[in-house]
């Protein structure tokens, strides 16, 4: 069963957004090496256990909203299933070097969601 593994928050002002989410949820937000204008977010549950990780980056298009990613064993298989069920793949599989692969889709209700395939050898 797929689970939520990551979320991305687009921002027009990265510093303002970092301060908001740090103050709002007490999230730890740090810049990873090699990813300009992108920050990793560490979350925790109410009991203090690690939560789903996320990212904060520059908004790339007007209207861009928070995007949730679900883990899949194969981007290709999941993308084919999305389309067979009436959804659409709007961003085909792309590598995130050293981390894995992602694709972005629309469901039948025009909601955007991401697929994530972990693979440290991605390049």
N, C-alpha and C. Protein backbone atom coordinates (compact mmCIF):
# COMPACT_ATOMS: atom_id res chain seq x y z
N UNK A 1 0.85 -1.17 0.00
CA UNK A 1 0.00 0.00 0.00
C UNK A 1 0.89 1.23 0.00
N UNK A 2 0.61 2.15 -0.90
CA UNK A 2 1.41 3.39 -0.99
C UNK A 2 1.11 4.29 0.21
N UNK A 3 2.12 4.99 0.63
CA UNK A 3 1.97 5.94 1.73
C UNK A 3 2.57 7.29 1.34
N UNK A 4 2.20 8.33 2.03
CA UNK A 4 2.78 9.64 1.78
C UNK A 4 4.23 9.62 2.27
N UNK A 5 5.15 10.00 1.39
CA UNK A 5 6.56 9.98 1.75
C UNK A 5 7.22 11.35 1.71
N UNK A 6 6.55 12.33 1.10
CA UNK A 6 7.18 13.65 0.96
C UNK A 6 6.12 14.66 0.56
N UNK A 7 6.35 15.91 0.89
CA UNK A 7 5.51 16.99 0.42
C UNK A 7 6.40 18.16 0.02
N UNK A 8 5.97 18.93 -0.95
CA UNK A 8 6.69 20.13 -1.38
C UNK A 8 5.80 21.34 -1.21
N UNK A 9 6.35 22.38 -0.61
CA UNK A 9 5.64 23.64 -0.42
C UNK A 9 6.30 24.70 -1.30
N UNK A 10 5.57 25.25 -2.28
CA UNK A 10 6.14 26.33 -3.08
C UNK A 10 6.02 27.66 -2.36
N UNK A 11 7.00 28.52 -2.56
CA UNK A 11 6.99 29.82 -1.88
C UNK A 11 7.53 30.91 -2.80
N UNK A 12 6.94 32.10 -2.69
CA UNK A 12 7.46 33.26 -3.41
C UNK A 12 8.63 33.87 -2.65
N UNK A 13 8.56 33.84 -1.33
CA UNK A 13 9.59 34.40 -0.46
C UNK A 13 10.04 33.27 0.48
N UNK A 14 11.18 32.66 0.17
CA UNK A 14 11.64 31.49 0.92
C UNK A 14 11.91 31.80 2.39
N UNK A 15 12.49 32.94 2.70
CA UNK A 15 12.76 33.29 4.10
C UNK A 15 11.46 33.46 4.88
N UNK A 16 10.50 34.16 4.29
CA UNK A 16 9.22 34.37 4.95
C UNK A 16 8.51 33.04 5.19
N UNK A 17 8.53 32.16 4.20
CA UNK A 17 7.88 30.86 4.33
C UNK A 17 8.57 30.00 5.40
N UNK A 18 9.91 30.04 5.43
CA UNK A 18 10.63 29.28 6.45
C UNK A 18 10.23 29.74 7.85
N UNK A 19 10.22 31.02 8.06
CA UNK A 19 9.85 31.56 9.37
C UNK A 19 8.42 31.16 9.75
N UNK A 20 7.51 31.25 8.78
CA UNK A 20 6.12 30.88 9.05
C UNK A 20 6.02 29.44 9.53
N UNK A 21 6.59 28.51 8.77
CA UNK A 21 6.45 27.08 9.12
C UNK A 21 7.26 26.69 10.34
N UNK A 22 8.41 27.33 10.55
CA UNK A 22 9.18 27.07 11.78
C UNK A 22 8.36 27.51 13.00
N UNK A 23 7.79 28.71 12.93
CA UNK A 23 7.02 29.23 14.06
C UNK A 23 5.69 28.51 14.22
N UNK A 24 5.05 28.16 13.12
CA UNK A 24 3.73 27.53 13.16
C UNK A 24 3.80 26.11 13.72
N UNK A 25 4.73 25.30 13.19
CA UNK A 25 4.76 23.87 13.52
C UNK A 25 6.05 23.42 14.20
N UNK A 26 6.99 24.34 14.44
CA UNK A 26 8.27 24.00 15.05
C UNK A 26 9.06 23.01 14.18
N UNK A 27 8.96 23.17 12.87
CA UNK A 27 9.67 22.31 11.93
C UNK A 27 11.13 22.72 11.85
N UNK A 28 12.00 21.74 11.61
CA UNK A 28 13.41 21.98 11.33
C UNK A 28 13.53 22.10 9.81
N UNK A 29 14.11 23.21 9.34
CA UNK A 29 14.24 23.46 7.90
C UNK A 29 15.69 23.79 7.60
N UNK A 30 16.31 23.00 6.71
CA UNK A 30 17.73 23.18 6.38
C UNK A 30 17.96 23.02 4.88
N UNK A 31 18.97 23.73 4.38
CA UNK A 31 19.34 23.63 2.96
C UNK A 31 20.26 22.43 2.74
N UNK A 32 19.88 21.52 1.84
CA UNK A 32 20.79 20.41 1.52
C UNK A 32 21.84 20.88 0.53
N UNK A 33 23.03 20.28 0.54
CA UNK A 33 24.05 20.69 -0.43
C UNK A 33 23.62 20.37 -1.86
N UNK A 34 23.92 21.27 -2.78
CA UNK A 34 23.67 21.02 -4.20
C UNK A 34 22.27 21.35 -4.69
N UNK A 35 21.41 21.90 -3.84
CA UNK A 35 20.05 22.23 -4.25
C UNK A 35 19.78 23.70 -3.93
N UNK A 36 20.13 24.61 -4.84
CA UNK A 36 19.90 26.04 -4.56
C UNK A 36 18.40 26.34 -4.48
N UNK A 37 18.04 27.25 -3.61
CA UNK A 37 16.65 27.68 -3.44
C UNK A 37 15.71 26.53 -3.08
N UNK A 38 16.23 25.54 -2.34
CA UNK A 38 15.40 24.43 -1.89
C UNK A 38 15.85 24.03 -0.48
N UNK A 39 14.89 23.76 0.38
CA UNK A 39 15.17 23.42 1.77
C UNK A 39 14.43 22.15 2.15
N UNK A 40 15.06 21.31 2.96
CA UNK A 40 14.41 20.10 3.46
C UNK A 40 13.74 20.40 4.79
N UNK A 41 12.58 19.80 5.00
CA UNK A 41 11.79 20.00 6.20
C UNK A 41 11.71 18.69 6.97
N UNK A 42 12.00 18.75 8.27
CA UNK A 42 11.81 17.61 9.16
C UNK A 42 10.60 17.91 10.03
N UNK A 43 9.66 16.97 10.07
CA UNK A 43 8.47 17.13 10.90
C UNK A 43 8.47 16.08 11.99
N UNK A 44 7.64 16.30 13.02
CA UNK A 44 7.46 15.33 14.10
C UNK A 44 5.99 15.26 14.44
N UNK A 45 5.56 14.07 14.87
CA UNK A 45 4.19 13.89 15.32
C UNK A 45 4.01 14.48 16.71
N UNK A 46 2.80 14.48 17.18
CA UNK A 46 2.50 15.04 18.50
C UNK A 46 3.27 14.35 19.61
N UNK A 47 3.60 13.07 19.42
CA UNK A 47 4.35 12.33 20.43
C UNK A 47 5.86 12.52 20.29
N UNK A 48 6.28 13.29 19.27
CA UNK A 48 7.71 13.53 19.07
C UNK A 48 8.38 12.57 18.11
N UNK A 49 7.63 11.60 17.58
CA UNK A 49 8.20 10.65 16.63
C UNK A 49 8.38 11.33 15.27
N UNK A 50 9.39 10.93 14.50
CA UNK A 50 9.60 11.54 13.19
C UNK A 50 8.37 11.41 12.31
N UNK A 51 8.08 12.49 11.59
CA UNK A 51 6.94 12.51 10.68
C UNK A 51 7.41 12.50 9.23
N UNK A 52 6.48 12.74 8.33
CA UNK A 52 6.77 12.79 6.91
C UNK A 52 7.68 13.99 6.64
N UNK A 53 8.71 13.78 5.83
CA UNK A 53 9.60 14.86 5.46
C UNK A 53 9.07 15.64 4.28
N UNK A 54 9.56 16.85 4.14
CA UNK A 54 9.09 17.68 3.05
C UNK A 54 10.17 18.58 2.51
N UNK A 55 9.75 19.46 1.62
CA UNK A 55 10.65 20.41 1.03
C UNK A 55 9.97 21.75 0.85
N UNK A 56 10.78 22.78 0.78
CA UNK A 56 10.31 24.15 0.58
C UNK A 56 11.16 24.74 -0.53
N UNK A 57 10.53 25.16 -1.61
CA UNK A 57 11.29 25.69 -2.73
C UNK A 57 10.58 26.84 -3.42
N UNK A 58 11.29 27.49 -4.33
CA UNK A 58 10.74 28.62 -5.08
C UNK A 58 9.54 28.16 -5.90
N UNK A 59 8.48 28.98 -5.87
CA UNK A 59 7.30 28.72 -6.69
C UNK A 59 7.72 28.82 -8.16
N UNK A 60 7.36 27.81 -8.94
CA UNK A 60 7.76 27.76 -10.35
C UNK A 60 6.70 28.28 -11.30
N UNK A 61 5.44 28.31 -10.86
CA UNK A 61 4.36 28.75 -11.74
C UNK A 61 3.24 29.35 -10.91
N UNK A 62 2.54 30.30 -11.47
CA UNK A 62 1.39 30.90 -10.78
C UNK A 62 0.39 29.80 -10.46
N UNK A 63 -0.15 29.84 -9.28
CA UNK A 63 -1.14 28.86 -8.88
C UNK A 63 -0.58 27.55 -8.35
N UNK A 64 0.74 27.40 -8.34
CA UNK A 64 1.35 26.18 -7.83
C UNK A 64 1.02 26.02 -6.35
N UNK A 65 0.59 24.85 -5.95
CA UNK A 65 0.16 24.57 -4.59
C UNK A 65 1.03 23.48 -3.96
N UNK A 66 0.79 23.20 -2.69
CA UNK A 66 1.49 22.11 -2.00
C UNK A 66 1.25 20.81 -2.75
N UNK A 67 2.30 20.02 -2.92
CA UNK A 67 2.23 18.77 -3.66
C UNK A 67 2.64 17.63 -2.74
N UNK A 68 1.81 16.60 -2.67
CA UNK A 68 2.07 15.43 -1.84
C UNK A 68 2.55 14.29 -2.73
N UNK A 69 3.61 13.60 -2.28
CA UNK A 69 4.18 12.47 -3.04
C UNK A 69 3.88 11.16 -2.33
N UNK A 70 3.55 10.14 -3.12
CA UNK A 70 3.29 8.80 -2.63
C UNK A 70 4.37 7.87 -3.14
N UNK A 71 4.85 6.96 -2.27
CA UNK A 71 5.89 6.03 -2.70
C UNK A 71 5.31 4.94 -3.58
N UNK A 72 6.07 4.57 -4.60
CA UNK A 72 5.69 3.49 -5.51
C UNK A 72 6.94 2.66 -5.80
N UNK A 73 6.74 1.41 -6.15
CA UNK A 73 7.87 0.54 -6.49
C UNK A 73 8.43 0.89 -7.86
N UNK A 74 7.56 1.33 -8.77
CA UNK A 74 7.97 1.65 -10.13
C UNK A 74 7.17 2.85 -10.64
N UNK A 75 7.87 3.92 -10.99
CA UNK A 75 7.19 5.09 -11.56
C UNK A 75 6.47 4.71 -12.85
N UNK A 76 7.13 3.92 -13.69
CA UNK A 76 6.53 3.55 -14.97
C UNK A 76 5.22 2.80 -14.77
N UNK A 77 5.22 1.81 -13.87
CA UNK A 77 4.00 1.02 -13.63
C UNK A 77 2.90 1.89 -13.03
N UNK A 78 3.27 2.74 -12.07
CA UNK A 78 2.28 3.59 -11.42
C UNK A 78 1.71 4.61 -12.41
N UNK A 79 2.56 5.19 -13.26
CA UNK A 79 2.08 6.15 -14.26
C UNK A 79 1.11 5.49 -15.24
N UNK A 80 1.42 4.28 -15.64
CA UNK A 80 0.51 3.55 -16.54
C UNK A 80 -0.83 3.30 -15.85
N UNK A 81 -0.79 2.98 -14.57
CA UNK A 81 -2.03 2.74 -13.82
C UNK A 81 -2.84 4.03 -13.68
N UNK A 82 -2.16 5.16 -13.42
CA UNK A 82 -2.84 6.45 -13.33
C UNK A 82 -3.66 6.68 -14.60
N UNK A 83 -3.02 6.49 -15.75
CA UNK A 83 -3.69 6.74 -17.03
C UNK A 83 -4.80 5.73 -17.29
N UNK A 84 -4.59 4.47 -16.90
CA UNK A 84 -5.63 3.46 -17.12
C UNK A 84 -6.87 3.72 -16.26
N UNK A 85 -6.68 4.47 -15.17
CA UNK A 85 -7.81 4.79 -14.28
C UNK A 85 -8.45 6.14 -14.61
N UNK A 86 -7.98 6.79 -15.68
CA UNK A 86 -8.58 8.05 -16.10
C UNK A 86 -7.84 9.29 -15.66
N UNK A 87 -6.70 9.12 -14.99
CA UNK A 87 -5.88 10.26 -14.60
C UNK A 87 -4.91 10.62 -15.71
N UNK A 88 -4.03 11.58 -15.43
CA UNK A 88 -3.04 12.02 -16.43
C UNK A 88 -1.69 12.20 -15.76
N UNK A 89 -0.65 11.89 -16.49
CA UNK A 89 0.72 12.18 -16.06
C UNK A 89 1.07 13.54 -16.66
N UNK A 90 1.32 14.54 -15.82
CA UNK A 90 1.61 15.88 -16.34
C UNK A 90 3.10 16.23 -16.26
N UNK A 91 3.88 15.48 -15.49
CA UNK A 91 5.34 15.61 -15.46
C UNK A 91 5.89 14.18 -15.48
N UNK A 92 6.38 13.72 -16.63
CA UNK A 92 6.91 12.36 -16.68
C UNK A 92 8.09 12.17 -15.72
N UNK A 93 8.48 10.95 -15.55
CA UNK A 93 9.57 10.56 -14.65
C UNK A 93 10.81 11.40 -14.88
N UNK A 94 11.33 11.98 -13.79
CA UNK A 94 12.59 12.72 -13.82
C UNK A 94 13.43 12.29 -12.62
N UNK A 95 14.75 12.27 -12.79
CA UNK A 95 15.61 11.89 -11.67
C UNK A 95 15.81 13.04 -10.69
N UNK A 96 15.98 12.68 -9.44
CA UNK A 96 16.46 13.58 -8.40
C UNK A 96 17.78 12.94 -7.98
N UNK A 97 18.89 13.41 -8.56
CA UNK A 97 20.18 12.72 -8.40
C UNK A 97 20.53 12.37 -6.95
N UNK A 98 20.85 11.09 -6.78
CA UNK A 98 21.24 10.58 -5.47
C UNK A 98 20.08 10.24 -4.54
N UNK A 99 18.85 10.51 -4.97
CA UNK A 99 17.68 10.29 -4.11
C UNK A 99 16.66 9.33 -4.73
N UNK A 100 16.30 9.56 -6.00
CA UNK A 100 15.27 8.73 -6.63
C UNK A 100 14.68 9.39 -7.85
N UNK A 101 13.43 9.04 -8.13
CA UNK A 101 12.72 9.56 -9.30
C UNK A 101 11.35 10.06 -8.88
N UNK A 102 10.85 11.05 -9.62
CA UNK A 102 9.51 11.53 -9.35
C UNK A 102 8.76 11.74 -10.65
N UNK A 103 7.44 11.75 -10.53
CA UNK A 103 6.54 12.10 -11.62
C UNK A 103 5.37 12.82 -10.96
N UNK A 104 4.69 13.68 -11.72
CA UNK A 104 3.54 14.41 -11.19
C UNK A 104 2.33 14.08 -12.04
N UNK A 105 1.20 13.86 -11.36
CA UNK A 105 -0.01 13.40 -12.02
C UNK A 105 -1.23 14.22 -11.61
N UNK A 106 -2.31 14.05 -12.38
CA UNK A 106 -3.62 14.57 -12.02
C UNK A 106 -4.55 13.38 -11.83
N UNK A 107 -5.37 13.43 -10.77
CA UNK A 107 -6.36 12.38 -10.61
C UNK A 107 -7.60 12.73 -11.44
N UNK A 108 -8.64 11.94 -11.32
CA UNK A 108 -9.86 12.16 -12.11
C UNK A 108 -10.61 13.41 -11.69
N UNK A 109 -10.25 14.00 -10.54
CA UNK A 109 -10.90 15.22 -10.04
C UNK A 109 -10.04 16.45 -10.23
N UNK A 110 -8.96 16.31 -11.01
CA UNK A 110 -8.02 17.39 -11.32
C UNK A 110 -7.17 17.82 -10.12
N UNK A 111 -6.99 16.91 -9.17
CA UNK A 111 -6.07 17.14 -8.05
C UNK A 111 -4.68 16.67 -8.47
N UNK A 112 -3.68 17.47 -8.15
CA UNK A 112 -2.30 17.13 -8.47
C UNK A 112 -1.70 16.30 -7.34
N UNK A 113 -0.94 15.27 -7.70
CA UNK A 113 -0.20 14.46 -6.72
C UNK A 113 1.06 13.94 -7.38
N UNK A 114 2.02 13.57 -6.54
CA UNK A 114 3.29 13.08 -7.05
C UNK A 114 3.49 11.60 -6.77
N UNK A 115 4.30 10.99 -7.62
CA UNK A 115 4.77 9.62 -7.43
C UNK A 115 6.25 9.70 -7.12
N UNK A 116 6.71 8.90 -6.17
CA UNK A 116 8.12 8.90 -5.78
C UNK A 116 8.64 7.47 -5.75
N UNK A 117 9.76 7.25 -6.44
CA UNK A 117 10.45 5.96 -6.44
C UNK A 117 11.84 6.19 -5.87
N UNK A 118 12.09 5.67 -4.69
CA UNK A 118 13.40 5.84 -4.06
C UNK A 118 14.45 5.03 -4.80
N UNK A 119 15.60 5.67 -5.08
CA UNK A 119 16.70 5.01 -5.76
C UNK A 119 17.94 5.88 -5.63
N UNK A 120 18.82 5.54 -4.70
CA UNK A 120 20.01 6.34 -4.44
C UNK A 120 20.94 6.42 -5.64
N UNK A 121 20.79 5.52 -6.61
CA UNK A 121 21.66 5.55 -7.80
C UNK A 121 21.08 6.43 -8.92
N UNK A 122 19.97 7.10 -8.67
CA UNK A 122 19.35 7.96 -9.69
C UNK A 122 20.30 9.08 -10.09
N UNK A 123 20.34 9.36 -11.38
CA UNK A 123 21.17 10.47 -11.88
C UNK A 123 20.61 11.00 -13.19
